[in-house]
Amino acid sequence: MQQEGVLPNSGTFGGLLNVCASMVALEEGRYANEQVIQSGWDSDVFVGNCLVDMYAKPGSMEDTWRVSNKLSSCYVVSWNAILGGCAMHGHGK
């Protein structure tokens, strides 16, 4: 996409991050996170929630908290992803 001169938007990154979350592809998700930051989409609420979910599903809770703390506000979607990640990986306390 970028080779053709088409820049990604929030929908592009959201889709990419959702695929990484579904596949529990943490390393690919970390690379996507770098691309999000470089493209300036890291302050977008939708993309931020996708990042929270992408890090929470494989249990990378430090990254989950880091990303969620950067969001302007934590919405129900963010908290659901955080709580789901905690529950799936035994971080109930």
C-alpha atoms as a PDB file:
ATOM      1  CA  MET A   1       0.000   0.000   0.000  1.00  0.00           C
ATOM      2  CA  GLN A   2       2.713   2.440   0.976  1.00  0.00           C
ATOM      3  CA  GLN A   3       4.795   1.412  -2.050  1.00  0.00           C
ATOM      4  CA  GLU A   4       1.919   2.686  -4.188  1.00  0.00           C
ATOM      5  CA  GLY A   5       1.930   6.006  -2.332  1.00  0.00           C
ATOM      6  CA  VAL A   6      -1.256   5.331  -0.370  1.00  0.00           C
ATOM      7  CA  LEU A   7      -0.901   6.314   3.259  1.00  0.00           C
ATOM      8  CA  PRO A   8      -2.609   4.225   5.950  1.00  0.00           C
ATOM      9  CA  ASN A   9      -5.417   5.744   7.985  1.00  0.00           C
ATOM     10  CA  SER A  10      -7.085   4.769  11.260  1.00  0.00           C
ATOM     11  CA  GLY A  11      -9.149   2.075   9.521  1.00  0.00           C
ATOM     12  CA  THR A  12      -6.059   0.578   7.930  1.00  0.00           C
ATOM     13  CA  PHE A  13      -4.203   0.441  11.227  1.00  0.00           C
ATOM     14  CA  GLY A  14      -7.277  -0.760  13.101  1.00  0.00           C
ATOM     15  CA  GLY A  15      -7.690  -3.669  10.701  1.00  0.00           C
ATOM     16  CA  LEU A  16      -4.006  -4.554  10.854  1.00  0.00           C
ATOM     17  CA  LEU A  17      -3.948  -4.448  14.654  1.00  0.00           C
ATOM     18  CA  ASN A  18      -7.142  -6.524  14.885  1.00  0.00           C
ATOM     19  CA  VAL A  19      -5.551  -9.196  12.698  1.00  0.00           C
ATOM     20  CA  CYS A  20      -2.438  -9.182  14.896  1.00  0.00           C
ATOM     21  CA  ALA A  21      -4.647  -9.479  17.999  1.00  0.00           C
ATOM     22  CA  SER A  22      -6.686 -12.336  16.525  1.00  0.00           C
ATOM     23  CA  MET A  23      -3.562 -14.235  15.510  1.00  0.00           C
ATOM     24  CA  VAL A  24      -1.767 -13.361  18.769  1.00  0.00           C
ATOM     25  CA  ALA A  25       1.056 -12.086  16.563  1.00  0.00           C
ATOM     26  CA  LEU A  26       2.840  -9.930  19.126  1.00  0.00           C
ATOM     27  CA  GLU A  27       6.044  -9.258  17.178  1.00  0.00           C
ATOM     28  CA  GLU A  28       4.111  -8.214  14.074  1.00  0.00           C
ATOM     29  CA  GLY A  29       1.902  -6.094  16.330  1.00  0.00           C
ATOM     30  CA  ARG A  30       4.942  -4.369  17.812  1.00  0.00           C
ATOM     31  CA  TYR A  31       6.114  -3.529  14.292  1.00  0.00           C
ATOM     32  CA  ALA A  32       2.634  -2.209  13.466  1.00  0.00           C
ATOM     33  CA  ASN A  33       2.762  -0.116  16.643  1.00  0.00           C
ATOM     34  CA  GLU A  34       6.008   1.469  15.424  1.00  0.00           C
ATOM     35  CA  GLN A  35       4.313   2.267  12.111  1.00  0.00           C
ATOM     36  CA  VAL A  36       1.348   3.779  13.971  1.00  0.00           C
ATOM     37  CA  ILE A  37       3.688   6.089  15.885  1.00  0.00           C
ATOM     38  CA  GLN A  38       5.692   7.040  12.794  1.00  0.00           C
ATOM     39  CA  SER A  39       2.487   7.827  10.907  1.00  0.00           C
ATOM     40  CA  GLY A  40       1.130   9.980  13.741  1.00  0.00           C
ATOM     41  CA  TRP A  41      -1.952   7.848  14.426  1.00  0.00           C
ATOM     42  CA  ASP A  42      -0.934   6.976  18.007  1.00  0.00           C
ATOM     43  CA  SER A  43      -3.222   9.670  19.474  1.00  0.00           C
ATOM     44  CA  ASP A  44      -6.288   8.353  17.619  1.00  0.00           C
ATOM     45  CA  VAL A  45      -8.777   6.793  20.061  1.00  0.00           C
ATOM     46  CA  PHE A  46      -9.830   3.991  17.678  1.00  0.00           C
ATOM     47  CA  VAL A  47      -6.239   3.012  16.907  1.00  0.00           C
ATOM     48  CA  GLY A  48      -5.318   3.308  20.584  1.00  0.00           C
ATOM     49  CA  ASN A  49      -8.104   0.909  21.555  1.00  0.00           C
ATOM     50  CA  CYS A  50      -6.947  -1.520  18.866  1.00  0.00           C
ATOM     51  CA  LEU A  51      -3.411  -1.326  20.288  1.00  0.00           C
ATOM     52  CA  VAL A  52      -4.694  -1.999  23.812  1.00  0.00           C
ATOM     53  CA  ASP A  53      -6.569  -5.055  22.552  1.00  0.00           C
ATOM     54  CA  MET A  54      -3.635  -6.249  20.461  1.00  0.00           C
ATOM     55  CA  TYR A  55      -1.286  -6.176  23.474  1.00  0.00           C
ATOM     56  CA  ALA A  56      -3.846  -7.525  25.974  1.00  0.00           C
ATOM     57  CA  LYS A  57      -4.786 -10.679  24.045  1.00  0.00           C
ATOM     58  CA  PRO A  58      -1.331 -12.288  24.171  1.00  0.00           C
ATOM     59  CA  GLY A  59      -0.867 -11.098  27.778  1.00  0.00           C
ATOM     60  CA  SER A  60       1.656  -8.321  27.234  1.00  0.00           C
ATOM     61  CA  MET A  61       0.150  -6.334  30.084  1.00  0.00           C
ATOM     62  CA  GLU A  62       3.041  -3.864  30.504  1.00  0.00           C
ATOM     63  CA  ASP A  63       2.553  -2.791  26.884  1.00  0.00           C
ATOM     64  CA  THR A  64      -1.214  -2.749  27.414  1.00  0.00           C
ATOM     65  CA  TRP A  65      -0.870  -0.325  30.331  1.00  0.00           C
ATOM     66  CA  ARG A  66       1.706   1.790  28.497  1.00  0.00           C
ATOM     67  CA  VAL A  67      -0.619   2.265  25.531  1.00  0.00           C
ATOM     68  CA  SER A  68      -3.748   2.775  27.635  1.00  0.00           C
ATOM     69  CA  ASN A  69      -1.986   5.468  29.693  1.00  0.00           C
ATOM     70  CA  LYS A  70      -1.295   7.402  26.489  1.00  0.00           C
ATOM     71  CA  LEU A  71      -4.985   7.501  25.531  1.00  0.00           C
ATOM     72  CA  SER A  72      -6.705  10.818  26.229  1.00  0.00           C
ATOM     73  CA  SER A  73      -9.381   8.846  28.065  1.00  0.00           C
ATOM     74  CA  CYS A  74      -9.974   5.183  28.648  1.00  0.00           C
ATOM     75  CA  TYR A  75     -13.305   4.117  27.199  1.00  0.00           C
ATOM     76  CA  VAL A  76     -15.394   1.037  27.881  1.00  0.00           C
ATOM     77  CA  VAL A  77     -13.734  -0.632  24.881  1.00  0.00           C
ATOM     78  CA  SER A  78     -10.295  -0.062  26.391  1.00  0.00           C
ATOM     79  CA  TRP A  79     -11.302  -1.352  29.824  1.00  0.00           C
ATOM     80  CA  ASN A  80     -12.958  -4.431  28.319  1.00  0.00           C
ATOM     81  CA  ALA A  81      -9.744  -5.270  26.452  1.00  0.00           C
ATOM     82  CA  ILE A  82      -7.630  -4.666  29.556  1.00  0.00           C
ATOM     83  CA  LEU A  83      -9.867  -6.751  31.816  1.00  0.00           C
ATOM     84  CA  GLY A  84     -10.148  -9.507  29.205  1.00  0.00           C
ATOM     85  CA  GLY A  85      -6.366  -9.679  28.867  1.00  0.00           C
ATOM     86  CA  CYS A  86      -5.932  -9.772  32.642  1.00  0.00           C
ATOM     87  CA  ALA A  87      -8.521 -12.530  32.996  1.00  0.00           C
ATOM     88  CA  MET A  88      -7.096 -14.649  30.163  1.00  0.00           C
ATOM     89  CA  HIS A  89      -3.593 -14.539  31.599  1.00  0.00           C
ATOM     90  CA  GLY A  90      -4.216 -14.922  35.318  1.00  0.00           C
ATOM     91  CA  HIS A  91      -3.733 -11.286  36.321  1.00  0.00           C
ATOM     92  CA  GLY A  92      -6.996 -11.024  38.233  1.00  0.00           C
ATOM     93  CA  LYS A  93      -5.468  -9.194  41.156  1.00  0.00           C
END
